[in-house]
Amino acid sequence: MPRENYQERLEELRTDVVAMGDLVLDRYETALRAAETGDDDLADEVIGGDHVVNERYLELEDECTELLALQQPVAGDLRLVTASFKIITDLERVGDLATNLAAYGGDDGGIHPAVDFRGLGDAAGEMVADAVAAYEAGDPDACREIDVRDDDLDERCRRASEAVVRNLLEADRARAATNEAAEPDQLADTLDEISRALLAIRDLERVGDHGVNIAARTLYMIESDDELIY
């Protein structure tokens, strides 16, 4: 393949990875709205459309493999292709987490009154969006800044999980003080709500982790610096 065409395909790969990021983030935003509102149609849209993300991932995986095989790229070209391959894997996993999140909303919407679900969801999603933008622009400073933000998200998720458990304990103590026993159906509903809340917090934290992974691979692509990978 002529070198000019090869360089064009490398640039097309970068463009296609960014487009996959846009697709995943759009689905992620829909998943957040589904969980917030309890809208079954929105949830079904996210869950039923997961194959679109998977198919896009496989197409780009094939493209990365072919680019590696065609000219055995070296140095910067090699880092671009290998970083792109890792990044689409993280994006595919964010898509999987979106399908989880879409199903966590209660019948009337919402996750748990003690959890700032939208705030955590926006923070995690912005990390992924900014990491993809850093990949597109080749911005190493943005990559390092995303890693710093992850510490804040982790701490917010930790506090949210503690708030959910504390809410449960306080409700149990209040019932004990009045000698009121929880009805079986009420107890089952409470446990279901707590389980969904803790799973949602865990998955939002993982979305942020994938944002860091994208930033780490981007930084290595730009500067051959693996400080965020390990």
Protein backbone atom coordinates (compact mmCIF):
# COMPACT_ATOMS: atom_id res chain seq x y z
CA MET A 1 0.00 0.00 0.00
CA PRO A 2 1.42 3.49 -0.86
CA ARG A 3 2.59 5.36 2.22
CA GLU A 4 0.21 8.25 1.53
CA ASN A 5 -2.79 5.94 1.59
CA TYR A 6 -1.51 4.31 4.76
CA GLN A 7 -1.29 7.67 6.52
CA GLU A 8 -4.81 8.49 5.37
CA ARG A 9 -6.06 5.25 6.91
CA LEU A 10 -4.32 6.08 10.16
CA GLU A 11 -6.12 9.43 10.27
CA GLU A 12 -9.40 7.73 9.37
CA LEU A 13 -8.84 5.31 12.25
CA ARG A 14 -8.46 8.20 14.67
CA THR A 15 -11.63 9.80 13.30
CA ASP A 16 -13.54 6.52 13.57
CA VAL A 17 -12.45 5.97 17.17
CA VAL A 18 -13.69 9.45 18.07
CA ALA A 19 -17.00 8.67 16.34
CA MET A 20 -17.31 5.47 18.37
CA GLY A 21 -16.73 7.55 21.49
CA ASP A 22 -19.58 9.87 20.46
CA LEU A 23 -21.85 6.87 19.89
CA VAL A 24 -21.05 5.33 23.27
CA LEU A 25 -21.44 8.61 25.14
CA ASP A 26 -24.80 9.24 23.49
CA ARG A 27 -26.00 5.83 24.66
CA TYR A 28 -24.54 6.48 28.10
CA GLU A 29 -26.49 9.74 28.42
CA THR A 30 -29.67 7.92 27.38
CA ALA A 31 -28.96 5.29 30.03
CA LEU A 32 -28.64 7.96 32.72
CA ARG A 33 -31.97 9.46 31.68
CA ALA A 34 -33.59 6.01 31.68
CA ALA A 35 -32.42 5.35 35.22
CA GLU A 36 -33.43 8.83 36.41
CA THR A 37 -36.94 8.62 35.00
CA GLY A 38 -37.68 4.90 35.13
CA ASP A 39 -38.57 5.12 31.44
CA ASP A 40 -38.73 1.52 30.21
CA ASP A 41 -38.68 2.56 26.56
CA LEU A 42 -35.42 4.43 27.03
CA ALA A 43 -33.95 1.50 28.95
CA ASP A 44 -34.99 -0.91 26.20
CA GLU A 45 -33.45 1.41 23.60
CA VAL A 46 -30.08 1.25 25.35
CA ILE A 47 -30.17 -2.46 26.15
CA GLY A 48 -31.56 -3.54 22.79
CA GLY A 49 -29.10 -1.38 20.87
CA ASP A 50 -25.94 -2.64 22.54
CA HIS A 51 -25.19 -4.69 19.42
CA VAL A 52 -24.56 -1.44 17.51
CA VAL A 53 -21.63 -0.62 19.79
CA ASN A 54 -20.36 -4.20 19.63
CA GLU A 55 -20.47 -4.25 15.84
CA ARG A 56 -18.62 -0.95 15.65
CA TYR A 57 -16.00 -2.30 18.02
CA LEU A 58 -15.44 -5.37 15.87
CA GLU A 59 -15.14 -3.28 12.71
CA LEU A 60 -12.47 -1.08 14.29
CA GLU A 61 -10.70 -4.08 15.78
CA ASP A 62 -10.41 -5.51 12.27
CA GLU A 63 -9.13 -2.17 10.99
CA CYS A 64 -6.43 -2.04 13.68
CA THR A 65 -5.38 -5.60 12.91
CA GLU A 66 -5.18 -4.89 9.20
CA LEU A 67 -3.17 -1.71 9.71
CA LEU A 68 -0.70 -3.58 11.88
CA ALA A 69 -0.33 -6.31 9.27
CA LEU A 70 -0.03 -4.07 6.20
CA GLN A 71 3.16 -2.16 6.88
CA GLN A 72 4.32 -3.21 10.33
CA PRO A 73 4.21 0.37 11.64
CA VAL A 74 6.94 1.66 13.92
CA ALA A 75 7.28 4.43 16.52
CA GLY A 76 4.40 6.92 16.50
CA ASP A 77 2.28 5.04 13.95
CA LEU A 78 2.55 1.86 15.99
CA ARG A 79 1.56 3.66 19.18
CA LEU A 80 -1.45 5.22 17.42
CA VAL A 81 -2.77 1.85 16.24
CA THR A 82 -2.15 0.01 19.51
CA ALA A 83 -3.60 2.87 21.58
CA SER A 84 -6.66 2.96 19.33
CA PHE A 85 -7.17 -0.76 19.80
CA LYS A 86 -7.03 -0.39 23.60
CA ILE A 87 -9.28 2.66 23.56
CA ILE A 88 -12.07 1.01 21.55
CA THR A 89 -12.00 -1.83 24.08
CA ASP A 90 -12.59 0.67 26.91
CA LEU A 91 -15.34 2.36 24.92
CA GLU A 92 -17.07 -0.98 24.30
CA ARG A 93 -17.02 -1.63 28.04
CA VAL A 94 -18.51 1.78 28.76
CA GLY A 95 -21.29 0.76 26.38
CA ASP A 96 -21.81 -2.41 28.43
CA LEU A 97 -21.96 -0.38 31.64
CA ALA A 98 -24.56 1.88 30.02
CA THR A 99 -26.83 -1.14 29.52
CA ASN A 100 -26.46 -1.93 33.23
CA LEU A 101 -27.20 1.63 34.30
CA ALA A 102 -30.29 1.89 32.12
CA ALA A 103 -31.89 -0.96 34.06
CA TYR A 104 -31.16 0.36 37.58
CA GLY A 105 -33.92 2.95 37.81
CA GLY A 106 -36.90 2.16 40.02
CA ASP A 107 -40.45 1.98 38.71
CA ASP A 108 -40.85 5.71 39.33
CA GLY A 109 -37.28 6.53 38.38
CA GLY A 110 -34.29 7.41 40.47
CA ILE A 111 -31.65 5.29 42.13
CA HIS A 112 -31.67 6.18 45.83
CA PRO A 113 -32.39 9.45 47.67
CA ALA A 114 -28.92 9.36 49.27
CA VAL A 115 -27.14 9.18 45.91
CA ASP A 116 -26.42 12.13 43.60
CA PHE A 117 -26.79 9.83 40.62
CA ARG A 118 -26.84 12.55 37.96
CA GLY A 119 -23.86 14.33 39.47
CA LEU A 120 -21.78 11.16 39.60
CA GLY A 121 -22.97 10.10 36.16
CA ASP A 122 -22.07 13.44 34.59
CA ALA A 123 -18.64 13.47 36.24
CA ALA A 124 -17.82 9.96 34.98
CA GLY A 125 -19.16 10.63 31.49
CA GLU A 126 -17.23 13.90 31.20
CA MET A 127 -14.01 12.04 32.03
CA VAL A 128 -14.61 9.68 29.11
CA ALA A 129 -15.60 12.53 26.78
CA ASP A 130 -12.54 14.58 27.72
CA ALA A 131 -10.27 11.55 27.33
CA VAL A 132 -11.59 10.95 23.81
CA ALA A 133 -11.10 14.65 23.05
CA ALA A 134 -7.51 14.40 24.33
CA TYR A 135 -6.96 11.42 22.02
CA GLU A 136 -8.34 13.38 19.07
CA ALA A 137 -6.27 16.49 19.81
CA GLY A 138 -3.13 14.74 21.08
CA ASP A 139 -3.27 16.65 24.38
CA PRO A 140 -1.00 15.16 27.09
CA ASP A 141 -1.91 17.74 29.75
CA ALA A 142 -5.58 16.83 29.46
CA CYS A 143 -4.68 13.16 29.98
CA ARG A 144 -2.90 13.90 33.26
CA GLU A 145 -5.75 16.15 34.43
CA ILE A 146 -8.29 13.36 33.87
CA ASP A 147 -6.23 11.06 36.09
CA VAL A 148 -6.37 13.65 38.90
CA ARG A 149 -10.14 13.96 38.54
CA ASP A 150 -10.51 10.22 39.03
CA ASP A 151 -9.44 10.56 42.67
CA ASP A 152 -12.33 12.94 43.29
CA LEU A 153 -14.82 10.64 41.57
CA ASP A 154 -13.60 7.65 43.60
CA GLU A 155 -14.04 9.61 46.82
CA ARG A 156 -17.53 10.76 45.83
CA CYS A 157 -18.50 7.18 45.01
CA ARG A 158 -17.13 5.98 48.34
CA ARG A 159 -19.18 8.57 50.21
CA ALA A 160 -22.29 7.72 48.20
CA SER A 161 -21.97 4.02 49.06
CA GLU A 162 -21.55 4.88 52.74
CA ALA A 163 -24.62 7.12 52.58
CA VAL A 164 -26.74 4.28 51.19
CA VAL A 165 -25.67 1.90 53.96
CA ARG A 166 -26.10 4.60 56.63
CA ASN A 167 -29.61 5.31 55.34
CA LEU A 168 -30.47 1.62 55.72
CA LEU A 169 -29.11 1.47 59.29
CA GLU A 170 -30.95 4.61 60.33
CA ALA A 171 -34.23 3.27 58.95
CA ASP A 172 -33.68 0.00 60.80
CA ARG A 173 -32.96 1.82 64.07
CA ALA A 174 -36.08 3.96 63.62
CA ARG A 175 -38.23 0.83 63.22
CA ALA A 176 -36.60 -0.78 66.23
CA ALA A 177 -37.32 2.29 68.36
CA THR A 178 -41.03 1.98 67.61
CA ASN A 179 -41.08 -1.84 67.75
CA GLU A 180 -42.28 -1.77 64.14
CA ALA A 181 -41.36 -4.78 62.06
CA ALA A 182 -40.83 -4.33 58.34
CA GLU A 183 -43.32 -6.09 56.13
CA PRO A 184 -41.75 -8.78 53.91
CA ASP A 185 -42.67 -6.93 50.72
CA GLN A 186 -41.37 -3.67 52.12
CA LEU A 187 -38.11 -5.30 53.15
CA ALA A 188 -37.68 -6.86 49.71
CA ASP A 189 -38.29 -3.49 48.04
CA THR A 190 -35.79 -1.78 50.34
CA LEU A 191 -33.09 -4.38 49.69
CA ASP A 192 -33.71 -4.16 45.95
CA GLU A 193 -33.35 -0.38 46.03
CA ILE A 194 -30.11 -0.61 48.02
CA SER A 195 -28.70 -3.28 45.73
CA ARG A 196 -29.47 -1.20 42.63
CA ALA A 197 -27.94 1.89 44.22
CA LEU A 198 -24.68 0.16 45.16
CA LEU A 199 -24.40 -1.45 41.73
CA ALA A 200 -25.04 1.89 40.04
CA ILE A 201 -22.33 3.59 42.10
CA ARG A 202 -19.90 0.79 41.29
CA ASP A 203 -20.62 1.04 37.56
CA LEU A 204 -20.30 4.83 37.50
CA GLU A 205 -16.92 4.53 39.17
CA ARG A 206 -15.92 2.00 36.50
CA VAL A 207 -16.98 4.41 33.75
CA GLY A 208 -14.55 6.92 35.22
CA ASP A 209 -11.85 4.23 35.34
CA HIS A 210 -12.32 3.62 31.62
CA GLY A 211 -11.90 7.35 31.07
CA VAL A 212 -8.54 7.12 32.85
CA ASN A 213 -7.59 4.10 30.76
CA ILE A 214 -8.31 6.05 27.57
CA ALA A 215 -6.25 8.97 28.88
CA ALA A 216 -3.41 6.63 29.84
CA ARG A 217 -3.23 5.03 26.40
CA THR A 218 -3.46 8.44 24.77
CA LEU A 219 -0.59 9.77 26.85
CA TYR A 220 1.51 6.77 25.87
CA MET A 221 0.58 7.32 22.23
CA ILE A 222 1.67 10.97 22.36
CA GLU A 223 4.75 10.86 24.56
CA SER A 224 5.60 7.18 24.96
CA ASP A 225 4.95 7.83 28.66
CA ASP A 226 3.42 4.95 30.63
CA GLU A 227 2.98 6.81 33.95
CA LEU A 228 -0.82 6.49 33.92
CA ILE A 229 -0.91 2.88 32.73
CA TYR A 230 0.55 1.33 35.87
